[in-house]
Structures are given as structure tokens and as C-alpha cells.
């Protein structure tokens, strides 16, 4: 690996262990085994490097979620049973991805004071919504662009809300079967 890749790997390890705001350029250089000057040379600043490392980590996590959602389920399952099976796998992933979720919430808290972060999120957020809709089988080809984005926003809200609950109270997160019951209860008045 070259210095650029070493820096990205070191920054990612620092993000996961120290968080976004507590990671220093010196931490990254030490963790990477690369000089402080290399950060400026390859990324311009520590913040740009941290954003690149965070994007990379989120993309890898997105790949994990895609694999979870693409995992073969019994074709004889009802829609509710498929929903429950998928959310069981997603909920189980929270324990493995806890540090990444903590970083994401930390970054969201910084977004108002960091124009670079604020500028980067709308496109990534829309892409995430459409990606989730596609992974759940409600993408643009099925629902059309606007409705797919709305479906993705719903999945995204559920995902982020459950992740927040898992960070605050890991034992209090609803089970996947509870989510099915909750969706039915919320949808009932709309029938």
C-alpha cells in the first residue's frame, strides 16, 4: 500500500476508536506510520482525510447492508415474514457496526458548524434513500423515482432510529417481529 491508502486506513481506525472530533492529525500519522506532512500532501487537511475515511467506511457498511438485504430468504415467505427476516439481520449488524453509527451521529451533530459536511450530505443522503429502496425491492423501477425516494426515506428513518436506539439502549431495541407489528399498527388507520 502507498501512503494515501495507509492514511485512509489509519484515519478509519482512529475514527472507530476515538471518534470524529477527538481524532488529531498526529493520531492519524502515528496510526498510519506516515508523516504528518503526508496528510496535507494527499488530502489537503485532516478534515478532508477524515471525511474520505468516513465515506469509505460508510460505503463498506453499505455493502454489508446490501449483502444482508440480498441474502437468500425462503421464497415462500410472505411480505411481512421477509420484512421481519431482513430486519433481524440488520438489527444483528448493529453490534458489529456500533462505532460506525456513533461516528455518523457525531458527524450529524457537527453538520451545522461545518459547511463542507453540510454540502456533502444532501447528495449522499438521496443516494442512500434510493439505494435502500432498491435493496428492499421498492426502487424506481417498481415505484417510480419520487415514490421510491419516499420509500427509501422511510427505510432510512427506521434504520437510523433503530441505530440510535441501539447506541443509547442496546437491550431496549425492538425485535424484528415487533417492527412488523408496529408497521401494521401504524398502517391500520390508513386502510
N, C-alpha and C. Protein backbone atom coordinates (compact mmCIF):
# COMPACT_ATOMS: atom_id res chain seq x y z
N UNK A 1 0.84 -1.19 0.00
CA UNK A 1 0.00 0.00 0.00
C UNK A 1 0.87 1.24 0.00
N UNK A 2 0.33 2.31 -0.56
CA UNK A 2 1.03 3.58 -0.55
C UNK A 2 0.61 4.42 0.63
N UNK A 3 1.25 5.59 0.74
CA UNK A 3 0.94 6.49 1.85
C UNK A 3 -0.53 6.89 1.90
N UNK A 4 -1.13 7.15 0.74
CA UNK A 4 -2.53 7.57 0.70
C UNK A 4 -3.43 6.49 1.33
N UNK A 5 -3.23 5.25 0.92
CA UNK A 5 -4.03 4.15 1.45
C UNK A 5 -3.74 3.92 2.93
N UNK A 6 -2.46 4.05 3.31
CA UNK A 6 -2.10 3.91 4.73
C UNK A 6 -2.80 4.98 5.57
N UNK A 7 -2.84 6.19 5.04
CA UNK A 7 -3.52 7.28 5.75
C UNK A 7 -5.02 7.00 5.89
N UNK A 8 -5.64 6.54 4.82
CA UNK A 8 -7.07 6.23 4.89
C UNK A 8 -7.34 5.13 5.92
N UNK A 9 -6.52 4.09 5.90
CA UNK A 9 -6.70 3.01 6.87
C UNK A 9 -6.47 3.49 8.30
N UNK A 10 -5.42 4.28 8.49
CA UNK A 10 -5.14 4.82 9.82
C UNK A 10 -6.23 5.75 10.30
N UNK A 11 -6.73 6.59 9.40
CA UNK A 11 -7.81 7.52 9.76
C UNK A 11 -9.07 6.74 10.14
N UNK A 12 -9.34 5.69 9.40
CA UNK A 12 -10.52 4.88 9.71
C UNK A 12 -10.38 4.23 11.09
N UNK A 13 -9.23 3.67 11.37
CA UNK A 13 -9.02 3.07 12.70
C UNK A 13 -9.18 4.12 13.81
N UNK A 14 -8.65 5.32 13.57
CA UNK A 14 -8.79 6.39 14.56
C UNK A 14 -10.25 6.80 14.72
N UNK A 15 -10.96 6.92 13.61
CA UNK A 15 -12.38 7.26 13.68
C UNK A 15 -13.13 6.25 14.54
N UNK A 16 -12.88 4.99 14.30
CA UNK A 16 -13.60 3.94 15.02
C UNK A 16 -13.23 3.88 16.50
N UNK A 17 -12.00 4.23 16.83
CA UNK A 17 -11.59 4.15 18.22
C UNK A 17 -11.74 5.47 18.99
N UNK A 18 -11.55 6.61 18.31
CA UNK A 18 -11.57 7.90 19.00
C UNK A 18 -12.75 8.79 18.64
N UNK A 19 -13.34 8.55 17.47
CA UNK A 19 -14.43 9.40 17.01
C UNK A 19 -13.91 10.49 16.09
N UNK A 20 -14.84 11.25 15.55
CA UNK A 20 -14.51 12.27 14.55
C UNK A 20 -13.81 13.48 15.18
N UNK A 21 -14.40 14.03 16.22
CA UNK A 21 -13.86 15.28 16.78
C UNK A 21 -12.62 15.07 17.64
N UNK A 22 -12.42 13.87 18.18
CA UNK A 22 -11.28 13.63 19.06
C UNK A 22 -10.04 13.13 18.32
N UNK A 23 -10.18 12.83 17.02
CA UNK A 23 -9.03 12.34 16.25
C UNK A 23 -8.18 13.52 15.80
N UNK A 24 -6.89 13.47 16.08
CA UNK A 24 -5.97 14.52 15.66
C UNK A 24 -5.15 14.04 14.45
N UNK A 25 -4.54 14.99 13.79
CA UNK A 25 -3.66 14.66 12.66
C UNK A 25 -2.50 13.79 13.16
N UNK A 26 -1.99 14.10 14.32
CA UNK A 26 -0.89 13.30 14.89
C UNK A 26 -1.34 11.87 15.16
N UNK A 27 -2.58 11.70 15.64
CA UNK A 27 -3.12 10.35 15.86
C UNK A 27 -3.10 9.55 14.55
N UNK A 28 -3.56 10.19 13.50
CA UNK A 28 -3.64 9.52 12.19
C UNK A 28 -2.24 9.18 11.68
N UNK A 29 -1.33 10.13 11.77
CA UNK A 29 0.04 9.88 11.30
C UNK A 29 0.68 8.73 12.07
N UNK A 30 0.49 8.72 13.38
CA UNK A 30 1.06 7.64 14.20
C UNK A 30 0.43 6.30 13.83
N UNK A 31 -0.88 6.27 13.74
CA UNK A 31 -1.61 5.04 13.42
C UNK A 31 -1.25 4.52 12.03
N UNK A 32 -0.99 5.44 11.11
CA UNK A 32 -0.70 5.08 9.72
C UNK A 32 0.76 4.75 9.48
N UNK A 33 1.63 5.25 10.37
CA UNK A 33 3.06 5.09 10.14
C UNK A 33 3.54 5.99 9.01
N UNK A 34 2.86 7.12 8.85
CA UNK A 34 3.15 8.07 7.77
C UNK A 34 3.37 9.44 8.40
N UNK A 35 4.14 10.29 7.76
CA UNK A 35 4.43 11.62 8.32
C UNK A 35 3.20 12.51 8.32
N UNK A 36 3.20 13.48 9.22
CA UNK A 36 2.13 14.48 9.28
C UNK A 36 2.00 15.22 7.95
N UNK A 37 3.12 15.52 7.32
CA UNK A 37 3.10 16.27 6.06
C UNK A 37 2.36 15.50 4.96
N UNK A 38 2.36 14.19 5.04
CA UNK A 38 1.69 13.38 4.02
C UNK A 38 0.18 13.62 4.02
N UNK A 39 -0.38 13.96 5.17
CA UNK A 39 -1.82 14.25 5.24
C UNK A 39 -2.15 15.44 4.34
N UNK A 40 -1.40 16.51 4.48
CA UNK A 40 -1.62 17.69 3.65
C UNK A 40 -1.35 17.41 2.18
N UNK A 41 -0.31 16.65 1.91
CA UNK A 41 0.05 16.35 0.53
C UNK A 41 -1.05 15.55 -0.17
N UNK A 42 -1.57 14.53 0.49
CA UNK A 42 -2.54 13.64 -0.14
C UNK A 42 -3.99 14.10 -0.02
N UNK A 43 -4.32 14.83 1.05
CA UNK A 43 -5.72 15.17 1.30
C UNK A 43 -5.99 16.65 1.50
N UNK A 44 -4.96 17.43 1.68
CA UNK A 44 -5.15 18.86 1.90
C UNK A 44 -5.31 19.22 3.36
N UNK A 45 -6.02 18.39 4.11
CA UNK A 45 -6.23 18.66 5.53
C UNK A 45 -6.66 17.38 6.23
N UNK A 46 -6.55 17.41 7.55
CA UNK A 46 -7.01 16.29 8.37
C UNK A 46 -8.51 16.07 8.18
N UNK A 47 -9.27 17.16 8.11
CA UNK A 47 -10.72 17.03 7.96
C UNK A 47 -11.10 16.37 6.65
N UNK A 48 -10.40 16.72 5.56
CA UNK A 48 -10.67 16.06 4.28
C UNK A 48 -10.34 14.58 4.35
N UNK A 49 -9.25 14.24 5.01
CA UNK A 49 -8.87 12.85 5.18
C UNK A 49 -9.92 12.11 6.00
N UNK A 50 -10.38 12.71 7.08
CA UNK A 50 -11.40 12.06 7.91
C UNK A 50 -12.70 11.87 7.14
N UNK A 51 -13.09 12.86 6.34
CA UNK A 51 -14.31 12.72 5.54
C UNK A 51 -14.15 11.59 4.52
N UNK A 52 -12.97 11.50 3.90
CA UNK A 52 -12.71 10.41 2.94
C UNK A 52 -12.75 9.05 3.62
N UNK A 53 -12.16 8.96 4.80
CA UNK A 53 -12.16 7.69 5.54
C UNK A 53 -13.58 7.33 5.98
N UNK A 54 -14.35 8.33 6.39
CA UNK A 54 -15.73 8.08 6.79
C UNK A 54 -16.56 7.62 5.60
N UNK A 55 -16.39 8.28 4.46
CA UNK A 55 -17.12 7.85 3.25
C UNK A 55 -16.79 6.41 2.91
N UNK A 56 -15.52 6.06 2.97
CA UNK A 56 -15.08 4.70 2.67
C UNK A 56 -15.71 3.70 3.65
N UNK A 57 -15.71 4.04 4.93
CA UNK A 57 -16.29 3.14 5.94
C UNK A 57 -17.79 2.98 5.72
N UNK A 58 -18.48 4.07 5.39
CA UNK A 58 -19.92 4.01 5.15
C UNK A 58 -20.22 3.20 3.90
N UNK A 59 -19.40 3.36 2.86
CA UNK A 59 -19.59 2.56 1.65
C UNK A 59 -19.42 1.08 1.93
N UNK A 60 -18.43 0.74 2.74
CA UNK A 60 -18.23 -0.67 3.11
C UNK A 60 -19.41 -1.19 3.92
N UNK A 61 -19.91 -0.36 4.84
CA UNK A 61 -21.09 -0.74 5.61
C UNK A 61 -22.29 -0.89 4.67
N UNK A 62 -22.41 0.01 3.70
CA UNK A 62 -23.49 -0.10 2.72
C UNK A 62 -23.41 -1.43 1.97
N UNK A 63 -22.21 -1.86 1.67
CA UNK A 63 -22.03 -3.16 1.03
C UNK A 63 -22.49 -4.29 1.94
N UNK A 64 -22.23 -4.15 3.24
CA UNK A 64 -22.69 -5.16 4.19
C UNK A 64 -24.21 -5.19 4.25
N UNK A 65 -24.83 -4.01 4.28
CA UNK A 65 -26.29 -3.94 4.31
C UNK A 65 -26.86 -4.52 3.02
N UNK A 66 -26.22 -4.22 1.88
CA UNK A 66 -26.68 -4.79 0.61
C UNK A 66 -26.62 -6.31 0.66
N UNK A 67 -25.55 -6.85 1.22
CA UNK A 67 -25.42 -8.31 1.34
C UNK A 67 -26.50 -8.86 2.26
N UNK A 68 -26.79 -8.16 3.35
CA UNK A 68 -27.84 -8.58 4.27
C UNK A 68 -29.18 -8.63 3.55
N UNK A 69 -29.46 -7.57 2.80
CA UNK A 69 -30.74 -7.49 2.12
C UNK A 69 -30.85 -8.44 0.94
N UNK A 70 -29.71 -8.77 0.36
CA UNK A 70 -29.70 -9.68 -0.79
C UNK A 70 -29.63 -11.14 -0.36
N UNK A 71 -29.38 -11.37 0.92
CA UNK A 71 -29.27 -12.75 1.40
C UNK A 71 -30.54 -13.51 1.05
N UNK A 72 -30.32 -14.69 0.61
CA UNK A 72 -31.45 -15.51 0.16
C UNK A 72 -32.38 -15.80 1.33
N UNK A 73 -33.64 -15.56 1.08
CA UNK A 73 -34.66 -15.93 2.06
C UNK A 73 -35.60 -16.91 1.37
N UNK A 74 -36.31 -17.61 2.17
CA UNK A 74 -37.25 -18.60 1.65
C UNK A 74 -38.26 -17.90 0.73
N UNK A 75 -38.34 -18.33 -0.53
CA UNK A 75 -39.26 -17.66 -1.45
C UNK A 75 -40.73 -17.84 -1.07
N UNK A 76 -41.00 -18.76 -0.17
CA UNK A 76 -42.37 -18.98 0.26
C UNK A 76 -42.82 -18.04 1.36
N UNK A 77 -41.93 -17.17 1.82
CA UNK A 77 -42.29 -16.25 2.90
C UNK A 77 -43.25 -15.18 2.41
N UNK A 78 -44.12 -14.76 3.30
CA UNK A 78 -44.99 -13.62 2.98
C UNK A 78 -44.15 -12.35 3.02
N UNK A 79 -44.72 -11.26 2.56
CA UNK A 79 -44.01 -9.97 2.61
C UNK A 79 -43.63 -9.60 4.03
N UNK A 80 -44.54 -9.82 4.98
CA UNK A 80 -44.26 -9.49 6.39
C UNK A 80 -43.15 -10.38 6.94
N UNK A 81 -43.15 -11.65 6.56
CA UNK A 81 -42.11 -12.56 7.04
C UNK A 81 -40.75 -12.19 6.45
N UNK A 82 -40.74 -11.79 5.18
CA UNK A 82 -39.48 -11.33 4.55
C UNK A 82 -38.98 -10.07 5.22
N UNK A 83 -39.89 -9.13 5.50
CA UNK A 83 -39.55 -7.88 6.20
C UNK A 83 -38.92 -8.22 7.55
N UNK A 84 -39.55 -9.12 8.29
CA UNK A 84 -39.04 -9.50 9.61
C UNK A 84 -37.66 -10.16 9.50
N UNK A 85 -37.49 -11.05 8.56
CA UNK A 85 -36.20 -11.75 8.40
C UNK A 85 -35.09 -10.76 8.04
N UNK A 86 -35.41 -9.81 7.19
CA UNK A 86 -34.42 -8.81 6.79
C UNK A 86 -34.03 -7.94 7.98
N UNK A 87 -35.03 -7.48 8.74
CA UNK A 87 -34.71 -6.62 9.88
C UNK A 87 -34.01 -7.37 10.99
N UNK A 88 -34.24 -8.66 11.12
CA UNK A 88 -33.48 -9.45 12.09
C UNK A 88 -31.99 -9.37 11.76
N UNK A 89 -31.66 -9.51 10.48
CA UNK A 89 -30.25 -9.45 10.06
C UNK A 89 -29.69 -8.04 10.23
N UNK A 90 -30.47 -7.03 9.94
CA UNK A 90 -30.00 -5.65 10.10
C UNK A 90 -29.76 -5.35 11.57
N UNK A 91 -30.71 -5.71 12.43
CA UNK A 91 -30.55 -5.46 13.86
C UNK A 91 -29.32 -6.18 14.41
N UNK A 92 -29.06 -7.38 13.94
CA UNK A 92 -27.88 -8.11 14.39
C UNK A 92 -26.59 -7.41 13.96
N UNK A 93 -26.64 -6.68 12.85
CA UNK A 93 -25.44 -5.98 12.36
C UNK A 93 -25.08 -4.78 13.23
N UNK A 94 -26.02 -4.24 13.99
CA UNK A 94 -25.75 -3.06 14.80
C UNK A 94 -24.63 -3.29 15.81
N UNK A 95 -24.55 -4.46 16.38
CA UNK A 95 -23.49 -4.74 17.36
C UNK A 95 -22.12 -4.65 16.71
N UNK A 96 -22.01 -5.14 15.47
CA UNK A 96 -20.72 -5.10 14.75
C UNK A 96 -20.38 -3.69 14.27
N UNK A 97 -21.39 -2.89 13.99
CA UNK A 97 -21.15 -1.58 13.38
C UNK A 97 -21.38 -0.43 14.36
N UNK A 98 -21.46 -0.72 15.63
CA UNK A 98 -21.72 0.30 16.65
C UNK A 98 -20.79 1.51 16.54
N UNK A 99 -19.46 1.32 16.44
CA UNK A 99 -18.59 2.50 16.35
C UNK A 99 -18.88 3.36 15.11
N UNK A 100 -19.22 2.73 14.01
CA UNK A 100 -19.53 3.49 12.79
C UNK A 100 -20.79 4.33 12.97
N UNK A 101 -21.81 3.75 13.60
CA UNK A 101 -23.03 4.51 13.87
C UNK A 101 -22.74 5.69 14.81
N UNK A 102 -21.91 5.47 15.81
CA UNK A 102 -21.56 6.55 16.73
C UNK A 102 -20.90 7.70 15.97
N UNK A 103 -20.00 7.37 15.05
CA UNK A 103 -19.33 8.40 14.25
C UNK A 103 -20.34 9.14 13.39
N UNK A 104 -21.25 8.42 12.77
CA UNK A 104 -22.23 9.08 11.90
C UNK A 104 -23.08 10.08 12.68
N UNK A 105 -23.52 9.69 13.88
CA UNK A 105 -24.30 10.62 14.69
C UNK A 105 -23.44 11.79 15.16
N UNK A 106 -22.18 11.54 15.44
CA UNK A 106 -21.26 12.61 15.82
C UNK A 106 -21.11 13.61 14.68
N UNK A 107 -20.97 13.10 13.47
CA UNK A 107 -20.82 13.97 12.29
C UNK A 107 -22.10 14.76 12.06
N UNK A 108 -23.24 14.13 12.21
CA UNK A 108 -24.51 14.84 12.03
C UNK A 108 -24.61 16.00 13.02
N UNK A 109 -24.13 15.78 14.24
CA UNK A 109 -24.15 16.85 15.24
C UNK A 109 -23.25 18.02 14.85
N UNK A 110 -22.23 17.77 14.03
CA UNK A 110 -21.30 18.81 13.60
C UNK A 110 -21.74 19.51 12.31
N UNK A 111 -22.77 19.02 11.69
CA UNK A 111 -23.11 19.45 10.33
C UNK A 111 -23.46 20.94 10.24
N UNK A 112 -24.09 21.48 11.25
CA UNK A 112 -24.47 22.90 11.22
C UNK A 112 -23.26 23.83 11.26
N UNK A 113 -22.18 23.38 11.87
CA UNK A 113 -21.00 24.22 12.01
C UNK A 113 -19.90 23.89 11.00
N UNK A 114 -20.19 22.96 10.10
CA UNK A 114 -19.17 22.53 9.14
C UNK A 114 -19.76 22.57 7.74
N UNK A 115 -19.56 23.67 7.03
CA UNK A 115 -20.16 23.80 5.69
C UNK A 115 -19.77 22.68 4.73
N UNK A 116 -18.54 22.17 4.85
CA UNK A 116 -18.11 21.09 3.95
C UNK A 116 -18.94 19.83 4.18
N UNK A 117 -19.22 19.53 5.43
CA UNK A 117 -20.06 18.37 5.73
C UNK A 117 -21.49 18.61 5.25
N UNK A 118 -22.01 19.79 5.53
CA UNK A 118 -23.38 20.11 5.13
C UNK A 118 -23.54 20.02 3.62
N UNK A 119 -22.54 20.45 2.88
CA UNK A 119 -22.60 20.40 1.42
C UNK A 119 -22.53 18.98 0.88
N UNK A 120 -21.84 18.11 1.60
CA UNK A 120 -21.64 16.74 1.11
C UNK A 120 -22.84 15.83 1.37
N UNK A 121 -23.66 16.15 2.34
CA UNK A 121 -24.69 15.22 2.76
C UNK A 121 -25.93 15.12 1.86
N UNK A 122 -26.45 16.20 1.28
CA UNK A 122 -27.70 16.03 0.51
C UNK A 122 -27.61 14.99 -0.61
N UNK A 123 -26.58 15.03 -1.41
CA UNK A 123 -26.45 14.05 -2.50
C UNK A 123 -26.26 12.65 -1.95
N UNK A 124 -25.41 12.51 -0.93
CA UNK A 124 -25.18 11.19 -0.33
C UNK A 124 -26.45 10.67 0.32
N UNK A 125 -27.22 11.56 0.92
CA UNK A 125 -28.46 11.17 1.58
C UNK A 125 -29.48 10.67 0.57
N UNK A 126 -29.63 11.38 -0.54
CA UNK A 126 -30.57 10.97 -1.60
C UNK A 126 -30.13 9.62 -2.17
N UNK A 127 -28.85 9.48 -2.42
CA UNK A 127 -28.32 8.22 -2.94
C UNK A 127 -28.59 7.07 -1.97
N UNK A 128 -28.44 7.33 -0.68
CA UNK A 128 -28.71 6.30 0.34
C UNK A 128 -30.18 5.91 0.34
N UNK A 129 -31.07 6.90 0.25
CA UNK A 129 -32.50 6.60 0.23
C UNK A 129 -32.86 5.73 -0.96
N UNK A 130 -32.37 6.11 -2.14
CA UNK A 130 -32.67 5.33 -3.34
C UNK A 130 -32.05 3.93 -3.26
N UNK A 131 -30.85 3.85 -2.70
CA UNK A 131 -30.21 2.55 -2.53
C UNK A 131 -30.99 1.64 -1.61
N UNK A 132 -31.48 2.18 -0.49
CA UNK A 132 -32.28 1.38 0.42
C UNK A 132 -33.58 0.93 -0.25
N UNK A 133 -34.22 1.84 -0.97
CA UNK A 133 -35.46 1.47 -1.67
C UNK A 133 -35.19 0.33 -2.64
N UNK A 134 -34.11 0.43 -3.37
CA UNK A 134 -33.75 -0.61 -4.34
C UNK A 134 -33.50 -1.94 -3.62
N UNK A 135 -32.76 -1.89 -2.53
CA UNK A 135 -32.43 -3.10 -1.79
C UNK A 135 -33.66 -3.77 -1.18
N UNK A 136 -34.67 -2.99 -0.82
CA UNK A 136 -35.89 -3.54 -0.26
C UNK A 136 -36.91 -3.90 -1.33
N UNK A 137 -36.52 -3.75 -2.60
CA UNK A 137 -37.43 -4.11 -3.68
C UNK A 137 -38.47 -3.07 -4.01
N UNK A 138 -38.23 -1.83 -3.58
CA UNK A 138 -39.18 -0.74 -3.85
C UNK A 138 -38.47 0.40 -4.58
N UNK A 139 -37.56 0.04 -5.47
CA UNK A 139 -36.77 1.04 -6.19
C UNK A 139 -37.57 1.73 -7.29
N UNK A 140 -36.92 2.64 -8.00
CA UNK A 140 -37.59 3.42 -9.05
C UNK A 140 -38.25 2.57 -10.13
N UNK A 141 -37.68 1.43 -10.47
CA UNK A 141 -38.29 0.58 -11.50
C UNK A 141 -39.64 0.03 -11.04
N UNK A 142 -39.82 -0.09 -9.73
CA UNK A 142 -41.07 -0.63 -9.17
C UNK A 142 -42.05 0.49 -8.86
N UNK A 143 -41.57 1.54 -8.20
CA UNK A 143 -42.47 2.59 -7.70
C UNK A 143 -42.38 3.91 -8.46
N UNK A 144 -41.38 4.07 -9.30
CA UNK A 144 -41.12 5.38 -9.89
C UNK A 144 -40.16 6.13 -8.99
N UNK A 145 -39.49 7.12 -9.55
CA UNK A 145 -38.41 7.84 -8.85
C UNK A 145 -38.88 8.48 -7.54
N UNK A 146 -39.94 9.25 -7.58
CA UNK A 146 -40.39 10.00 -6.39
C UNK A 146 -40.85 9.08 -5.27
N UNK A 147 -41.69 8.11 -5.60
CA UNK A 147 -42.20 7.20 -4.56
C UNK A 147 -41.09 6.30 -4.02
N UNK A 148 -40.15 5.92 -4.88
CA UNK A 148 -39.02 5.11 -4.41
C UNK A 148 -38.18 5.90 -3.42
N UNK A 149 -37.97 7.17 -3.71
CA UNK A 149 -37.20 8.00 -2.78
C UNK A 149 -37.94 8.14 -1.45
N UNK A 150 -39.24 8.27 -1.50
CA UNK A 150 -40.03 8.34 -0.26
C UNK A 150 -39.97 7.03 0.51
N UNK A 151 -40.07 5.91 -0.19
CA UNK A 151 -39.95 4.61 0.47
C UNK A 151 -38.56 4.48 1.11
N UNK A 152 -37.53 4.90 0.38
CA UNK A 152 -36.17 4.87 0.91
C UNK A 152 -36.02 5.75 2.14
N UNK A 153 -36.69 6.91 2.13
CA UNK A 153 -36.64 7.81 3.29
C UNK A 153 -37.27 7.12 4.50
N UNK A 154 -38.33 6.38 4.27
CA UNK A 154 -38.97 5.64 5.37
C UNK A 154 -38.03 4.57 5.92
N UNK A 155 -37.40 3.79 5.04
CA UNK A 155 -36.44 2.78 5.49
C UNK A 155 -35.26 3.43 6.20
N UNK A 156 -34.81 4.56 5.67
CA UNK A 156 -33.68 5.27 6.26
C UNK A 156 -34.03 5.76 7.66
N UNK A 157 -35.24 6.31 7.82
CA UNK A 157 -35.67 6.78 9.13
C UNK A 157 -35.75 5.63 10.13
N UNK A 158 -36.26 4.51 9.68
CA UNK A 158 -36.34 3.33 10.54
C UNK A 158 -34.94 2.84 10.91
N UNK A 159 -34.08 2.77 9.94
CA UNK A 159 -32.71 2.31 10.16
C UNK A 159 -31.96 3.23 11.13
N UNK A 160 -32.01 4.53 10.87
CA UNK A 160 -31.30 5.48 11.73
C UNK A 160 -31.90 5.52 13.14
N UNK A 161 -33.22 5.46 13.21
CA UNK A 161 -33.86 5.47 14.52
C UNK A 161 -33.51 4.24 15.34
N UNK A 162 -33.50 3.10 14.70
CA UNK A 162 -33.12 1.87 15.40
C UNK A 162 -31.65 1.89 15.80
N UNK A 163 -30.81 2.44 14.92
CA UNK A 163 -29.38 2.54 15.25
C UNK A 163 -29.18 3.46 16.46
N UNK A 164 -29.91 4.57 16.49
CA UNK A 164 -29.82 5.48 17.64
C UNK A 164 -30.26 4.76 18.91
N UNK A 165 -31.35 4.02 18.83
CA UNK A 165 -31.81 3.27 20.00
C UNK A 165 -30.77 2.24 20.42
N UNK A 166 -30.13 1.58 19.45
CA UNK A 166 -29.11 0.58 19.76
C UNK A 166 -27.90 1.20 20.46
N UNK A 167 -27.58 2.45 20.11
CA UNK A 167 -26.48 3.14 20.77
C UNK A 167 -26.83 3.52 22.20
N UNK A 168 -28.04 4.00 22.39
CA UNK A 168 -28.47 4.51 23.70
C UNK A 168 -28.88 3.38 24.64
N UNK A 169 -29.62 2.42 24.12
CA UNK A 169 -30.17 1.35 24.95
C UNK A 169 -30.18 0.04 24.15
N UNK A 170 -29.04 -0.61 24.02
CA UNK A 170 -28.96 -1.81 23.18
C UNK A 170 -29.98 -2.90 23.55
N UNK A 171 -30.31 -3.01 24.82
CA UNK A 171 -31.27 -4.04 25.23
C UNK A 171 -32.72 -3.64 24.99
N UNK A 172 -32.95 -2.36 24.69
CA UNK A 172 -34.32 -1.88 24.50
C UNK A 172 -34.75 -1.77 23.05
N UNK A 173 -33.91 -2.18 22.12
CA UNK A 173 -34.25 -2.09 20.70
C UNK A 173 -35.35 -3.11 20.39
N UNK A 174 -36.40 -2.68 19.69
CA UNK A 174 -37.46 -3.63 19.35
C UNK A 174 -36.93 -4.78 18.50
N UNK A 175 -37.52 -5.93 18.68
CA UNK A 175 -37.18 -7.09 17.85
C UNK A 175 -37.81 -6.90 16.47
N UNK A 176 -37.33 -7.65 15.51
CA UNK A 176 -37.87 -7.55 14.15
C UNK A 176 -39.36 -7.87 14.13
N UNK A 177 -39.79 -8.83 14.92
CA UNK A 177 -41.23 -9.16 14.96
C UNK A 177 -42.04 -7.98 15.51
N UNK A 178 -41.45 -7.23 16.45
CA UNK A 178 -42.12 -6.04 16.97
C UNK A 178 -42.25 -4.97 15.88
N UNK A 179 -41.24 -4.89 15.01
CA UNK A 179 -41.31 -3.91 13.91
C UNK A 179 -42.47 -4.23 12.98
N UNK A 180 -42.65 -5.50 12.68
CA UNK A 180 -43.77 -5.90 11.82
C UNK A 180 -45.09 -5.47 12.47
N UNK A 181 -45.24 -5.76 13.76
CA UNK A 181 -46.46 -5.36 14.47
C UNK A 181 -46.63 -3.84 14.46
N UNK A 182 -45.53 -3.11 14.65
CA UNK A 182 -45.60 -1.64 14.67
C UNK A 182 -46.02 -1.09 13.31
N UNK A 183 -45.45 -1.64 12.23
CA UNK A 183 -45.81 -1.17 10.89
C UNK A 183 -47.29 -1.44 10.63
N UNK A 184 -47.77 -2.59 11.03
CA UNK A 184 -49.20 -2.89 10.88
C UNK A 184 -50.05 -1.91 11.67
N UNK A 185 -49.64 -1.62 12.90
CA UNK A 185 -50.41 -0.70 13.75
C UNK A 185 -50.43 0.71 13.17
N UNK A 186 -49.31 1.14 12.65
CA UNK A 186 -49.22 2.49 12.06
C UNK A 186 -50.04 2.55 10.78
N UNK A 187 -50.01 1.49 9.99
CA UNK A 187 -50.72 1.48 8.70
C UNK A 187 -52.21 1.28 8.84
N UNK A 188 -52.67 0.67 9.94
CA UNK A 188 -54.09 0.34 10.10
C UNK A 188 -55.02 1.55 9.90
N UNK A 189 -54.73 2.70 10.50
CA UNK A 189 -55.64 3.84 10.31
C UNK A 189 -55.68 4.35 8.86
N UNK A 190 -54.70 3.98 8.08
CA UNK A 190 -54.65 4.43 6.69
C UNK A 190 -55.49 3.56 5.76
N UNK A 191 -55.92 2.41 6.25
CA UNK A 191 -56.69 1.48 5.42
C UNK A 191 -58.06 2.00 5.10
